[in-house]
Each structure stands twice: as C-alpha cells, then as structure tokens.
Protein backbone atom coordinates (compact mmCIF):
# COMPACT_ATOMS: atom_id res chain seq x y z
CA UNK A 1 2.56 26.53 0.64
CA UNK A 2 0.54 27.25 -2.88
CA UNK A 3 -2.65 24.53 -3.33
CA UNK A 4 -4.49 23.68 -5.85
CA UNK A 5 -7.52 24.15 -4.01
CA UNK A 6 -8.68 25.89 -0.64
CA UNK A 7 -10.52 22.53 1.00
CA UNK A 8 -10.36 21.79 4.38
CA UNK A 9 -6.71 19.79 5.78
CA UNK A 10 -6.73 16.28 6.03
CA UNK A 11 -6.60 14.85 9.21
CA UNK A 12 -6.56 10.54 8.81
CA UNK A 13 -8.25 7.87 6.09
CA UNK A 14 -6.92 9.84 2.70
CA UNK A 15 -4.29 10.48 0.71
CA UNK A 16 -2.45 13.71 0.05
CA UNK A 17 -0.69 14.40 -3.43
CA UNK A 18 1.88 17.16 -3.57
CA UNK A 19 4.63 18.37 -5.82
CA UNK A 20 7.87 20.52 -5.47
CA UNK A 21 8.42 22.09 -8.78
CA UNK A 22 11.75 23.50 -8.57
CA UNK A 23 12.80 20.16 -7.61
CA UNK A 24 11.27 18.03 -10.03
CA UNK A 25 9.77 15.42 -7.03
CA UNK A 26 6.47 14.70 -6.21
CA UNK A 27 5.03 13.05 -3.19
CA UNK A 28 2.27 11.55 -1.11
CA UNK A 29 1.16 11.12 2.42
CA UNK A 30 -1.43 8.72 4.25
CA UNK A 31 -2.88 8.11 7.31
CA UNK A 32 -4.70 5.65 7.99
CA UNK A 33 -7.07 5.37 10.77
CA UNK A 34 -10.55 3.62 11.10
CA UNK A 35 -10.05 2.26 7.30
CA UNK A 36 -7.50 0.29 8.91
CA UNK A 37 -9.31 -0.65 11.71
CA UNK A 38 -12.39 -2.33 9.37
CA UNK A 39 -9.48 -4.10 7.39
CA UNK A 40 -8.21 -5.57 10.54
CA UNK A 41 -11.54 -6.41 11.71
CA UNK A 42 -12.08 -8.90 9.27
CA UNK A 43 -9.91 -11.95 11.00
CA UNK A 44 -8.56 -11.90 14.60
CA UNK A 45 -4.81 -10.91 13.79
CA UNK A 46 -2.09 -11.12 16.49
CA UNK A 47 -0.10 -7.58 17.16
CA UNK A 48 2.90 -8.73 15.27
CA UNK A 49 0.42 -8.87 11.57
CA UNK A 50 -1.94 -6.15 12.50
CA UNK A 51 1.48 -4.11 12.63
CA UNK A 52 2.61 -5.96 9.58
CA UNK A 53 -0.67 -5.17 7.76
CA UNK A 54 -0.75 -1.91 8.15
CA UNK A 55 2.83 -0.65 7.17
CA UNK A 56 1.56 -3.39 3.60
CA UNK A 57 -1.97 -1.15 3.11
CA UNK A 58 -0.17 2.35 4.02
CA UNK A 59 2.35 1.33 1.14
CA UNK A 60 -0.48 0.02 -0.97
CA UNK A 61 -2.43 3.41 -1.09
CA UNK A 62 0.94 5.47 -0.90
CA UNK A 63 2.39 3.46 -4.56
CA UNK A 64 -1.38 3.16 -5.67
CA UNK A 65 -1.77 6.79 -5.08
CA UNK A 66 0.70 7.25 -8.08
CA UNK A 67 -1.40 6.02 -10.75
CA UNK A 68 -4.82 7.76 -12.57
CA UNK A 69 -8.23 6.47 -13.71
CA UNK A 70 -10.64 5.20 -12.07
CA UNK A 71 -9.66 1.41 -13.27
CA UNK A 72 -6.55 1.56 -12.58
CA UNK A 73 -5.11 -0.48 -9.88
CA UNK A 74 -1.78 -1.75 -7.73
CA UNK A 75 -0.90 -4.65 -5.85
CA UNK A 76 1.03 -6.06 -3.75
CA UNK A 77 1.76 -9.62 -3.01
CA UNK A 78 4.66 -10.74 -0.70
CA UNK A 79 5.31 -14.30 -0.50
CA UNK A 80 7.18 -17.09 0.87
CA UNK A 81 8.11 -21.10 0.38
CA UNK A 82 7.90 -22.70 4.55
CA UNK A 83 8.37 -18.50 5.77
CA UNK A 84 6.03 -18.40 9.08
CA UNK A 85 4.23 -15.27 6.69
CA UNK A 86 3.24 -17.74 4.10
CA UNK A 87 1.13 -14.66 2.22
CA UNK A 88 0.60 -10.89 2.16
CA UNK A 89 -1.73 -9.18 -0.09
CA UNK A 90 -2.81 -5.43 -0.46
CA UNK A 91 -4.25 -3.94 -3.54
CA UNK A 92 -5.57 -0.01 -4.10
CA UNK A 93 -7.92 1.09 -6.61
CA UNK A 94 -9.23 4.33 -6.65
CA UNK A 95 -8.86 5.23 -3.15
CA UNK A 96 -10.44 1.57 -1.75
CA UNK A 97 -7.52 -0.72 -0.15
CA UNK A 98 -7.82 -4.03 0.82
CA UNK A 99 -5.10 -6.25 2.28
CA UNK A 100 -5.30 -9.74 3.89
CA UNK A 101 -2.25 -11.85 5.49
CA UNK A 102 -2.34 -15.88 5.73
CA UNK A 103 0.53 -17.24 8.72
CA UNK A 104 1.74 -19.86 10.49
CA UNK A 105 -0.22 -18.79 14.23
CA UNK A 106 1.96 -21.46 16.25
CA UNK A 107 5.45 -21.08 14.64
CA UNK A 108 5.26 -17.10 15.26
CA UNK A 109 3.37 -17.25 18.70
CA UNK A 110 7.29 -18.57 19.33
CA UNK A 111 8.70 -15.03 17.68
CA UNK A 112 8.01 -12.92 20.78
CA UNK A 113 6.25 -9.46 20.01
CA UNK A 114 8.43 -7.74 17.43
CA UNK A 115 9.93 -10.05 15.12
CA UNK A 116 11.91 -9.18 12.33
CA UNK A 117 11.22 -9.30 8.86
CA UNK A 118 13.65 -12.01 7.78
CA UNK A 119 11.84 -14.20 10.63
CA UNK A 120 8.61 -14.11 9.51
CA UNK A 121 9.55 -14.15 5.57
CA UNK A 122 12.37 -15.75 5.65
CA UNK A 123 14.10 -16.21 2.17
CA UNK A 124 10.68 -14.48 0.72
CA UNK A 125 10.19 -12.23 -2.02
CA UNK A 126 7.81 -9.09 -3.29
CA UNK A 127 5.87 -8.67 -6.57
CA UNK A 128 4.71 -5.31 -7.11
CA UNK A 129 2.28 -5.07 -10.06
CA UNK A 130 1.01 -1.73 -11.98
CA UNK A 131 -2.26 -2.06 -14.05
CA UNK A 132 -2.51 1.26 -15.57
CA UNK A 133 -5.97 2.57 -16.76
CA UNK A 134 -5.61 2.06 -20.47
CA UNK A 135 -2.06 0.94 -20.66
CA UNK A 136 0.26 -1.81 -20.31
CA UNK A 137 0.30 -4.25 -17.40
CA UNK A 138 3.85 -4.39 -15.59
CA UNK A 139 5.56 -5.61 -12.27
CA UNK A 140 8.80 -6.02 -10.75
CA UNK A 141 9.77 -8.67 -8.44
CA UNK A 142 12.37 -7.90 -5.35
CA UNK A 143 13.64 -10.12 -3.10
CA UNK A 144 11.89 -9.08 0.32
CA UNK A 145 15.54 -7.66 1.97
CA UNK A 146 16.31 -4.66 4.68
CA UNK A 147 14.27 -3.84 7.91
CA UNK A 148 11.07 -3.24 6.28
CA UNK A 149 8.41 -3.42 3.35
CA UNK A 150 8.96 0.08 2.76
CA UNK A 151 12.72 -0.40 2.14
CA UNK A 152 11.49 -3.25 -0.16
CA UNK A 153 9.38 -0.99 -1.78
CA UNK A 154 12.20 1.35 -2.34
CA UNK A 155 14.50 -1.33 -3.94
CA UNK A 156 11.60 -2.11 -6.42
CA UNK A 157 11.52 1.85 -7.44
CA UNK A 158 15.14 2.19 -7.84
CA UNK A 159 15.89 -1.27 -9.37
CA UNK A 160 12.57 -1.98 -11.54
CA UNK A 161 11.88 1.51 -12.29
CA UNK A 162 15.09 3.45 -11.76
CA UNK A 163 13.41 6.36 -10.21
CA UNK A 164 15.07 7.66 -6.82
CA UNK A 165 12.46 6.42 -4.11
CA UNK A 166 12.39 7.61 -0.24
CA UNK A 167 9.42 6.00 1.94
CA UNK A 168 9.03 5.91 5.06
CA UNK A 169 6.23 4.27 7.01
CA UNK A 170 4.80 4.14 10.79
CA UNK A 171 2.43 2.14 12.70
CA UNK A 172 1.67 1.59 16.10
CA UNK A 173 -1.38 0.56 18.32
CA UNK A 174 -3.41 3.08 21.01
CA UNK A 175 -6.34 2.54 22.86
CA UNK A 176 -8.52 2.89 20.01
CA UNK A 177 -7.05 0.99 17.94
CA UNK A 178 -4.36 0.90 15.46
CA UNK A 179 -2.67 3.76 13.39
CA UNK A 180 -0.48 3.55 10.33
CA UNK A 181 0.64 7.01 8.02
CA UNK A 182 3.74 6.83 5.55
CA UNK A 183 5.20 8.98 3.27
CA UNK A 184 6.72 8.37 -0.54
CA UNK A 185 8.14 10.98 -2.24
CA UNK A 186 9.95 10.26 -5.39
CA UNK A 187 12.53 12.52 -8.02
CA UNK A 188 11.45 12.92 -11.79
CA UNK A 189 13.61 13.87 -15.09
CA UNK A 190 12.57 17.41 -16.34
CA UNK A 191 8.89 17.22 -17.92
CA UNK A 192 8.70 13.59 -17.96
CA UNK A 193 5.52 11.43 -16.32
CA UNK A 194 4.67 8.07 -16.92
CA UNK A 195 6.49 5.33 -16.51
CA UNK A 196 9.18 6.32 -19.34
CA UNK A 197 11.58 7.02 -16.85
CA UNK A 198 14.78 5.63 -16.86
CA UNK A 199 18.74 6.19 -15.85
CA UNK A 200 17.75 8.84 -13.45
CA UNK A 201 20.80 9.98 -11.68
CA UNK A 202 20.20 9.37 -7.99
CA UNK A 203 23.10 11.87 -6.93
CA UNK A 204 21.11 14.56 -8.51
CA UNK A 205 21.84 17.57 -6.43
CA UNK A 206 17.74 18.26 -6.02
CA UNK A 207 17.14 14.99 -5.17
CA UNK A 208 19.90 14.69 -2.44
CA UNK A 209 17.87 17.77 -1.05
CA UNK A 210 14.65 16.56 -0.96
CA UNK A 211 15.28 12.97 0.44
CA UNK A 212 17.45 14.66 3.13
CA UNK A 213 14.73 16.66 4.05
CA UNK A 214 12.19 14.49 3.60
CA UNK A 215 14.08 11.84 5.80
CA UNK A 216 13.74 14.00 8.76
CA UNK A 217 10.17 12.93 9.37
CA UNK A 218 9.64 10.83 12.80
CA UNK A 219 7.22 8.16 13.80
CA UNK A 220 5.65 10.52 15.54
CA UNK A 221 4.93 13.24 13.37
CA UNK A 222 3.36 10.73 10.95
CA UNK A 223 1.03 9.25 13.34
CA UNK A 224 -0.04 12.61 15.03
CA UNK A 225 -3.62 12.86 14.51
CA UNK A 226 -3.55 16.61 15.37
CA UNK A 227 -1.26 17.26 12.78
CA UNK A 228 -2.58 17.07 9.13
CA UNK A 229 -0.84 15.61 6.29
CA UNK A 230 -0.71 19.45 4.30
CA UNK A 231 1.00 20.72 7.85
CA UNK A 232 3.24 17.42 7.02
CA UNK A 233 4.17 18.61 4.05
CA UNK A 234 4.81 21.58 4.63
CA UNK A 235 7.11 21.38 7.94
CA UNK A 236 9.16 19.61 5.79
CA UNK A 237 9.54 21.89 2.54
CA UNK A 238 8.24 25.23 3.73
CA UNK A 239 11.28 26.57 2.33
CA UNK A 240 11.19 25.67 -0.77
CA UNK A 241 9.73 28.58 -3.33
CA UNK A 242 6.36 26.32 -3.61
CA UNK A 243 5.05 23.14 -2.77
CA UNK A 244 1.77 22.35 -4.40
CA UNK A 245 -0.58 20.14 -2.73
CA UNK A 246 -3.77 18.17 -4.60
CA UNK A 247 -7.09 17.82 -3.37
CA UNK A 248 -7.11 14.88 -1.09
CA UNK A 249 -8.37 11.27 -2.17
CA UNK A 250 -10.37 10.01 0.73
CA UNK A 251 -9.50 6.10 1.60
CA UNK A 252 -11.85 3.22 2.02
CA UNK A 253 -12.26 -0.88 3.09
CA UNK A 254 -12.38 -1.87 -0.37
CA UNK A 255 -13.74 -5.30 -0.62
CA UNK A 256 -15.16 -6.13 -4.33
CA UNK A 257 -16.25 -9.37 -3.40
CA UNK A 258 -20.61 -10.15 -4.59
CA UNK A 259 -22.05 -13.08 -5.31
CA UNK A 260 -22.44 -12.12 -8.55
CA UNK A 261 -18.42 -11.26 -8.92
CA UNK A 262 -18.02 -14.95 -7.94
CA UNK A 263 -20.92 -16.62 -9.96
CA UNK A 264 -18.73 -14.44 -13.08
CA UNK A 265 -15.49 -15.90 -12.32
CA UNK A 266 -17.03 -19.86 -11.83
CA UNK A 267 -19.05 -19.29 -15.18
CA UNK A 268 -15.48 -19.29 -16.97
CA UNK A 269 -15.01 -23.14 -15.72
CA UNK A 270 -16.07 -26.12 -17.61
CA UNK A 271 -19.04 -27.86 -16.47
CA UNK A 272 -16.88 -30.80 -14.87
CA UNK A 273 -14.96 -28.77 -13.30
CA UNK A 274 -18.18 -26.64 -12.04
CA UNK A 275 -19.53 -29.72 -10.99
CA UNK A 276 -17.07 -30.70 -8.70
CA UNK A 277 -17.19 -27.63 -7.09
CA UNK A 278 -20.66 -28.14 -5.63
CA UNK A 279 -21.43 -29.73 -2.19
CA UNK A 280 -24.06 -32.64 -1.32
CA UNK A 281 -26.94 -29.70 -1.69
CA UNK A 282 -25.69 -28.55 -5.09
CA UNK A 283 -24.01 -25.68 -3.68
CA UNK A 284 -21.09 -23.93 -4.38
CA UNK A 285 -19.33 -22.03 -1.53
CA UNK A 286 -16.56 -19.31 -1.59
CA UNK A 287 -14.64 -17.68 1.26
CA UNK A 288 -13.23 -14.43 1.09
CA UNK A 289 -10.17 -14.50 2.14
CA UNK A 290 -10.34 -10.52 2.63
CA UNK A 291 -13.29 -9.78 4.21
CA UNK A 292 -14.06 -13.33 5.73
CA UNK A 293 -17.66 -13.14 3.85
CA UNK A 294 -19.01 -16.43 2.69
CA UNK A 295 -20.92 -16.64 -0.53
CA UNK A 296 -23.48 -19.71 -1.74
CA UNK A 297 -23.82 -19.99 -5.16
CA UNK A 298 -26.72 -21.87 -6.61
CA UNK A 299 -25.02 -21.90 -9.90
C-alpha cells in the first residue's frame, strides 16, 4: 500500500480516505465508537433506534467525507408521513457529525427487537443534500426502499449522480456501548473530480472488479476494534498495483448550538413574531434536538 503519510494506523472515531488509481476508484472507511456514544447519549433511544441512528451517522461521515473544505456540509434526512420514525436527520461538516431521531415510542415497542426499514418508515423518502464550499448546493431525493439506509444511499448515487457506488455499514451493541462502521467505494471516470460525473458505465470492468472485492467485506471486519481502517483497505485491495491512503480525519460529535446562534436566528423574525415566542417572564426558550440542551434567551 502506498500511503501519502507515515502516520499511525487508525482504529476508531476517524474517517480514512483512499484511492485505487489504476482502477479509477476512490473509497472511504469509518468506524465510530466514543463519538457514537456521545451522540446517542443526548436521548434515551431504544435499541432499534440506536441501531438505525448508528447506521445513519456512519453514512453521514462516509458521504460527507467526499466533500472538501471546512465549510462544506452534507445533510441526510429521512422522513415519513404517519411512519413510526417521523424524522431522522444527520449531518457532517469538517469531521463533526450529529444526528437526531423522532419516533413513535408506543408503536415502535410493538415491532420487536429487529424491525425492518419498511416497518420503521413505511412510505418514506431520503433527502441527501451536499453543500460544497464555494459551490452550488445540490440535493437528491430517493424512496426509502430496500433493506437498509445504505441501500437507499446507493440508489441516490446511481440515480441522482450516476456514480457507481457500493456501501456497506455494520452496527452492534456491546458491553461497552454501541459500535458502528462502514465502507463506501465509487468508480470515477478518468481524470474527473467533483460532481460532473455523468453517464458512468455501471458495467465498466474496472468497477466490476473493485465492487467484487469491496463486497467481500464482512460486518465482523468492519467492527473489529483490533483491525485498523488501513488494514481493512489493504485486505480488500492488496493485489492492486497501488492503494493510496490519506491522513485520517478525526471525527467528533458536532452540535453547533449556542445562545448566540439561536439569538441570531430569532433576530431574523419580525418583532411581533418574537413577542409571540416569549413566555410570561419575557424569555424565549429554545431546545436543541441534536444535543438535548435548552437555551433561555432574553432578547
């Protein structure tokens, strides 16, 4: 493996990027440990929701990590009308991930321990929004079909961007908390970067080869805390002429809420609407769904 950096191996709470130049492919690997626990700790989520949110946060890091720039952001939102999961939202910006899930607890309890995606969302949809730094914001919307959120994200790339993409995500609960990890790999036309990747051949021999190798990854390998992300890339593609890895991006729980942030938002509303928001003490109370913090604004 040819690495651009001699840094130590990466095991958890980081995003590793790599390319296979001869095959015109790029990939991302991520494993969430303490960061996932920090996000989940904001709410007392039941097991099916922690599993779902763990998968969603991994996907947010994998897809958000495709963007360049400190201000670039990727937001993923799954929503239904009348579904058990009413809203699932995650985003990624410069290594910071956050997520939140709103659901009907009573209906969820009747589904058992391992509900299907269809049981959770019904006729739902997934909206994926990319906001490149200095570029144009773009969004794709796909139905929540298939066995997992990862399958819906693969559909997004094939339909909205026409980029051959394989995604694998694994999540499990253990004695020390929940662990989640994932792999994303894509085929790119020769010499192209960015979003202008249209009409890529899904049956290109290079892509078929890379997808076949990537598809051999197991949940156990993705989740093995003793197996570094670099080692996973090497296991999958060690027969290639070159696998180029890049310095890993540390990941963190990234809620951007603050009194100043919410005060700036509320200041955009006309005075009569601000007055309607105030309680009897003249305070505007704001709750952050992502981190479960409350803010009392005297503005």
